[in-house]
Amino acid sequence: MLPLYFPLALNLGTPPGTLKEGSQLGDVLPTSLEANGLKKSSWGLLFPGIVGGALVAVYAVATPFITPALRAVCVPFVPATAKQVENVLKALRSRRGPLVDVGSGDGRIVIAAAKEGFVAAGYELNPWLVWYSRYRAWREGVQDLATFYISDLWKVTFSQYSNVVVFGVPQMMLHLEKKFELELEGDARVIACRFPFPNWTPDQVTGEGIDTVWVYDLMVFYSRNGQRCTPSAAIDGISDLMKQGAQRRHVAQWSGWQ
């Protein structure tokens, strides 16, 4: 009877080839899973690295733009229009002497003045804009006439300049009046863009809308008023503005600790 059932037992069992293939799959499967695990682990490290690098880059670029907001007066960067640059150059016709752009942004006013033969300087708090301005001056071939500085305008003395261009905001114009009255010589010309000085009477007004420029000759201003602003009054005004800036930075820091 055994010979009759033995073939059936063999048929009911697993074929030898199937057992071999199954053993091979058993050997391959752990290796495949291990490779997938390594890939996932690599992506798990790479993705946070990319995100972290992007955040550092954004912080590095944004910080110079955000930092001025903690000061007493924040002057946003708004590029001068082509018409505005043209109006400034019109106001500089027949003028000589060194020129300064207070809040020079991307340097277009300074570069345009340098092309007209002025020895021009720009003061800007944002280092990225200063470096870009230097590159533009080099590209335009006026790097010997156009100079750019990373500096807070309230810490700079402008007495050596005969021509001053200002892109300001209303909150700062009164303090700039006092600063310029203290520092500038009688033959200086001040050109205000977008916003006029609150107490000075312009000698010329060119353009309209956002392209308007107001031209002030200090010699005429002094002759109208009979005397220059006293140093003590100007210093008091500038000191008040610096104190406001310090208080604002203190409040911002305190809020960050909460």
Protein backbone atom coordinates (compact mmCIF):
# COMPACT_ATOMS: atom_id res chain seq x y z
CA MET A 1 0.00 0.00 0.00
CA LEU A 2 2.84 2.39 0.59
CA PRO A 3 3.84 2.67 -3.08
CA LEU A 4 0.31 3.76 -3.96
CA TYR A 5 0.28 6.74 -1.58
CA PHE A 6 3.91 7.82 -1.88
CA PRO A 7 3.48 9.63 -5.19
CA LEU A 8 0.43 11.40 -3.75
CA ALA A 9 2.49 12.51 -0.82
CA LEU A 10 5.07 13.87 -3.18
CA ASN A 11 2.41 15.70 -5.19
CA LEU A 12 0.95 17.23 -2.07
CA GLY A 13 4.35 18.56 -0.97
CA THR A 14 6.05 21.72 -2.21
CA PRO A 15 8.10 21.30 -5.41
CA PRO A 16 11.85 21.53 -4.88
CA GLY A 17 12.16 24.45 -7.33
CA THR A 18 9.60 26.44 -5.39
CA LEU A 19 11.44 25.94 -2.17
CA LYS A 20 14.64 27.20 -3.76
CA GLU A 21 12.96 30.31 -5.17
CA GLY A 22 11.33 31.02 -1.85
CA SER A 23 14.63 30.79 -0.05
CA GLN A 24 16.14 33.23 -2.54
CA LEU A 25 13.30 35.71 -1.99
CA GLY A 26 13.87 35.36 1.70
CA ASP A 27 17.49 36.32 1.18
CA VAL A 28 16.75 39.27 -1.16
CA LEU A 29 13.88 40.88 0.76
CA PRO A 30 15.86 42.06 3.80
CA THR A 31 18.53 43.61 1.53
CA SER A 32 15.86 45.55 -0.41
CA LEU A 33 14.27 46.79 2.78
CA GLU A 34 17.66 47.84 4.07
CA ALA A 35 18.36 49.87 0.90
CA ASN A 36 14.98 51.60 1.14
CA GLY A 37 15.68 52.38 4.77
CA LEU A 38 18.99 53.98 3.86
CA LYS A 39 17.34 56.11 1.16
CA LYS A 40 14.69 57.30 3.59
CA SER A 41 17.35 58.06 6.16
CA SER A 42 19.36 60.08 3.61
CA TRP A 43 16.30 62.11 2.63
CA GLY A 44 15.48 62.57 6.27
CA LEU A 45 18.85 64.26 6.78
CA LEU A 46 18.95 66.11 3.46
CA PHE A 47 15.52 67.74 3.66
CA PRO A 48 16.05 69.44 7.07
CA GLY A 49 19.47 70.58 5.81
CA ILE A 50 17.91 72.23 2.75
CA VAL A 51 15.18 73.89 4.80
CA GLY A 52 17.68 75.10 7.40
CA GLY A 53 20.00 76.51 4.73
CA ALA A 54 17.09 78.32 3.07
CA LEU A 55 16.03 79.87 6.39
CA VAL A 56 19.58 81.07 7.07
CA ALA A 57 19.75 82.62 3.60
CA VAL A 58 16.40 84.38 4.06
CA TYR A 59 17.51 85.67 7.47
CA ALA A 60 20.80 86.97 6.06
CA VAL A 61 19.05 88.81 3.23
CA ALA A 62 16.09 90.11 5.24
CA THR A 63 17.95 91.30 8.35
CA PRO A 64 19.41 94.47 6.75
CA PHE A 65 15.91 95.41 5.62
CA ILE A 66 14.19 94.65 8.91
CA THR A 67 16.78 96.16 11.27
CA PRO A 68 16.06 99.80 10.31
CA ALA A 69 12.45 99.27 11.40
CA LEU A 70 13.69 99.15 15.01
CA ARG A 71 15.04 102.67 14.72
CA ALA A 72 13.23 105.88 15.47
CA VAL A 73 12.56 106.52 11.77
CA CYS A 74 12.36 103.73 9.20
CA VAL A 75 13.16 104.81 5.63
CA PRO A 76 11.95 102.10 3.24
CA PHE A 77 13.88 101.47 0.05
CA VAL A 78 11.85 102.77 -2.90
CA PRO A 79 13.94 103.10 -6.07
CA ALA A 80 13.96 106.51 -7.73
CA THR A 81 12.13 106.67 -11.02
CA ALA A 82 13.90 107.68 -14.23
CA LYS A 83 11.96 110.96 -14.19
CA GLN A 84 13.00 111.62 -10.61
CA VAL A 85 16.66 111.12 -11.47
CA GLU A 86 16.20 113.49 -14.41
CA ASN A 87 14.64 116.14 -12.15
CA VAL A 88 17.53 115.85 -9.67
CA LEU A 89 20.06 116.33 -12.46
CA LYS A 90 18.13 119.40 -13.65
CA ALA A 91 18.40 120.85 -10.14
CA LEU A 92 22.18 120.25 -10.24
CA ARG A 93 22.79 122.14 -13.47
CA SER A 94 25.50 124.79 -13.19
CA ARG A 95 26.42 123.38 -9.77
CA ARG A 96 29.92 122.36 -8.70
CA GLY A 97 31.44 120.74 -5.66
CA PRO A 98 31.05 117.35 -3.97
CA LEU A 99 27.64 115.71 -3.77
CA VAL A 100 26.08 113.34 -1.27
CA ASP A 101 22.94 111.25 -1.47
CA VAL A 102 21.49 110.68 2.01
CA GLY A 103 19.91 107.23 1.88
CA SER A 104 21.41 106.28 -1.47
CA GLY A 105 19.52 103.00 -1.97
CA ASP A 106 20.81 101.20 -5.06
CA GLY A 107 23.07 104.13 -5.96
CA ARG A 108 21.33 105.40 -9.08
CA ILE A 109 21.42 109.09 -8.05
CA VAL A 110 25.10 108.94 -7.11
CA ILE A 111 26.02 107.13 -10.32
CA ALA A 112 24.01 109.54 -12.47
CA ALA A 113 25.72 112.51 -10.77
CA ALA A 114 29.14 110.89 -11.23
CA LYS A 115 28.44 110.57 -14.94
CA GLU A 116 27.89 114.34 -14.97
CA GLY A 117 31.32 114.87 -13.44
CA PHE A 118 30.41 115.20 -9.76
CA VAL A 119 32.51 113.59 -7.06
CA ALA A 120 29.59 111.85 -5.41
CA ALA A 121 29.06 109.79 -2.27
CA GLY A 122 26.14 107.76 -0.99
CA TYR A 123 25.32 106.83 2.60
CA GLU A 124 23.09 103.82 3.11
CA LEU A 125 22.35 101.62 6.13
CA ASN A 126 21.59 98.47 4.12
CA PRO A 127 24.87 96.69 3.29
CA TRP A 128 23.34 94.68 0.44
CA LEU A 129 22.32 97.89 -1.34
CA VAL A 130 25.76 99.42 -0.76
CA TRP A 131 27.55 96.42 -2.25
CA TYR A 132 25.16 96.44 -5.21
CA SER A 133 25.74 100.17 -5.69
CA ARG A 134 29.50 99.63 -5.76
CA TYR A 135 29.06 96.94 -8.38
CA ARG A 136 26.86 99.23 -10.51
CA ALA A 137 29.39 102.06 -10.25
CA TRP A 138 32.13 99.69 -11.42
CA ARG A 139 29.97 98.41 -14.27
CA GLU A 140 29.19 101.99 -15.37
CA GLY A 141 32.87 102.94 -15.19
CA VAL A 142 32.47 105.69 -12.53
CA GLN A 143 33.95 103.84 -9.54
CA ASP A 144 36.59 106.58 -9.17
CA LEU A 145 33.93 109.28 -8.76
CA ALA A 146 31.18 107.37 -6.94
CA THR A 147 31.77 106.16 -3.39
CA PHE A 148 29.32 104.35 -1.12
CA TYR A 149 29.37 103.96 2.66
CA ILE A 150 27.47 101.71 5.06
CA SER A 151 26.48 104.18 7.75
CA ASP A 152 23.68 105.65 9.85
CA LEU A 153 23.00 109.15 8.51
CA TRP A 154 22.61 110.54 12.03
CA LYS A 155 26.22 109.62 12.77
CA VAL A 156 27.64 111.32 9.67
CA THR A 157 28.66 114.96 9.27
CA PHE A 158 27.80 116.43 5.87
CA SER A 159 29.70 119.71 6.20
CA GLN A 160 32.10 118.81 3.36
CA TYR A 161 29.33 118.55 0.74
CA SER A 162 28.04 121.41 -1.40
CA ASN A 163 25.15 119.43 -2.90
CA VAL A 164 22.88 117.22 -0.82
CA VAL A 165 20.14 114.93 -2.13
CA VAL A 166 17.64 113.49 0.33
CA PHE A 167 15.06 110.74 -0.05
CA GLY A 168 13.32 110.94 3.30
CA VAL A 169 9.98 110.44 5.00
CA PRO A 170 7.92 113.13 6.75
CA GLN A 171 8.94 111.98 10.25
CA MET A 172 12.62 112.70 9.63
CA MET A 173 12.50 115.93 7.61
CA LEU A 174 12.29 118.30 10.59
CA HIS A 175 15.33 116.68 12.22
CA LEU A 176 17.23 116.83 8.95
CA GLU A 177 16.45 120.55 8.75
CA LYS A 178 18.16 121.10 12.06
CA LYS A 179 21.08 118.84 11.18
CA PHE A 180 21.71 120.57 7.85
CA GLU A 181 21.37 124.06 9.34
CA LEU A 182 24.07 123.13 11.81
CA GLU A 183 26.45 121.40 9.42
CA LEU A 184 26.11 122.76 5.88
CA GLU A 185 27.87 125.83 4.54
CA GLY A 186 25.98 128.81 3.13
CA ASP A 187 26.68 127.89 -0.50
CA ALA A 188 25.14 124.42 -0.16
CA ARG A 189 22.12 123.29 -2.13
CA VAL A 190 19.73 120.69 -0.71
CA ILE A 191 17.44 118.71 -3.01
CA ALA A 192 14.54 116.92 -1.31
CA CYS A 193 12.75 114.14 -3.18
CA ARG A 194 9.17 112.96 -2.55
CA PHE A 195 8.73 115.03 0.64
CA PRO A 196 9.66 118.69 1.28
CA PHE A 197 11.13 120.15 4.45
CA PRO A 198 8.38 121.41 6.77
CA ASN A 199 9.81 124.85 7.59
CA TRP A 200 12.02 125.71 4.63
CA THR A 201 10.67 127.55 1.58
CA PRO A 202 11.92 125.98 -1.65
CA ASP A 203 13.62 128.12 -4.27
CA GLN A 204 12.59 125.75 -7.04
CA VAL A 205 10.05 122.97 -7.46
CA THR A 206 10.44 120.57 -10.35
CA GLY A 207 8.17 117.73 -11.42
CA GLU A 208 4.89 116.50 -10.00
CA GLY A 209 3.55 113.65 -7.92
CA ILE A 210 6.16 111.22 -6.65
CA ASP A 211 8.70 112.68 -9.08
CA THR A 212 8.62 116.13 -7.45
CA VAL A 213 11.89 117.57 -6.15
CA TRP A 214 12.22 120.64 -3.93
CA VAL A 215 15.39 122.71 -4.24
CA TYR A 216 16.71 124.75 -1.30
CA ASP A 217 19.68 127.11 -1.50
CA LEU A 218 20.89 127.65 2.05
CA MET A 219 22.38 131.05 1.22
CA VAL A 220 18.87 132.27 0.36
CA PHE A 221 17.45 130.57 3.43
CA TYR A 222 19.98 132.19 5.76
CA SER A 223 19.41 135.61 4.21
CA ARG A 224 15.67 135.24 4.76
CA ASN A 225 16.02 134.15 8.35
CA GLY A 226 18.93 136.38 9.25
CA GLN A 227 20.92 133.64 11.02
CA ARG A 228 21.68 129.98 11.03
CA CYS A 229 20.16 127.51 13.44
CA THR A 230 22.06 127.60 16.73
CA PRO A 231 24.19 124.52 17.33
CA SER A 232 22.47 123.81 20.63
CA ALA A 233 19.03 123.71 19.03
CA ALA A 234 20.19 121.39 16.26
CA ILE A 235 22.00 119.10 18.70
CA ASP A 236 18.93 118.94 20.95
CA GLY A 237 16.77 117.87 18.02
CA ILE A 238 19.19 115.18 16.89
CA SER A 239 19.65 113.95 20.47
CA ASP A 240 15.88 113.61 20.87
CA LEU A 241 15.68 111.48 17.74
CA MET A 242 18.53 109.21 18.90
CA LYS A 243 16.84 108.79 22.30
CA GLN A 244 13.59 107.79 20.60
CA GLY A 245 15.51 105.21 18.58
CA ALA A 246 17.12 103.77 21.72
CA GLN A 247 13.75 103.54 23.46
CA ARG A 248 12.19 101.82 20.47
CA ARG A 249 15.00 99.27 20.26
CA HIS A 250 14.65 98.60 24.01
CA VAL A 251 10.89 97.98 23.65
CA ALA A 252 11.51 95.65 20.70
CA GLN A 253 14.12 93.68 22.64
CA TRP A 254 11.87 93.45 25.72
CA SER A 255 8.98 92.17 23.59
CA GLY A 256 11.25 89.51 22.12
CA TRP A 257 12.02 88.16 25.61
CA GLN A 258 8.37 87.57 26.45
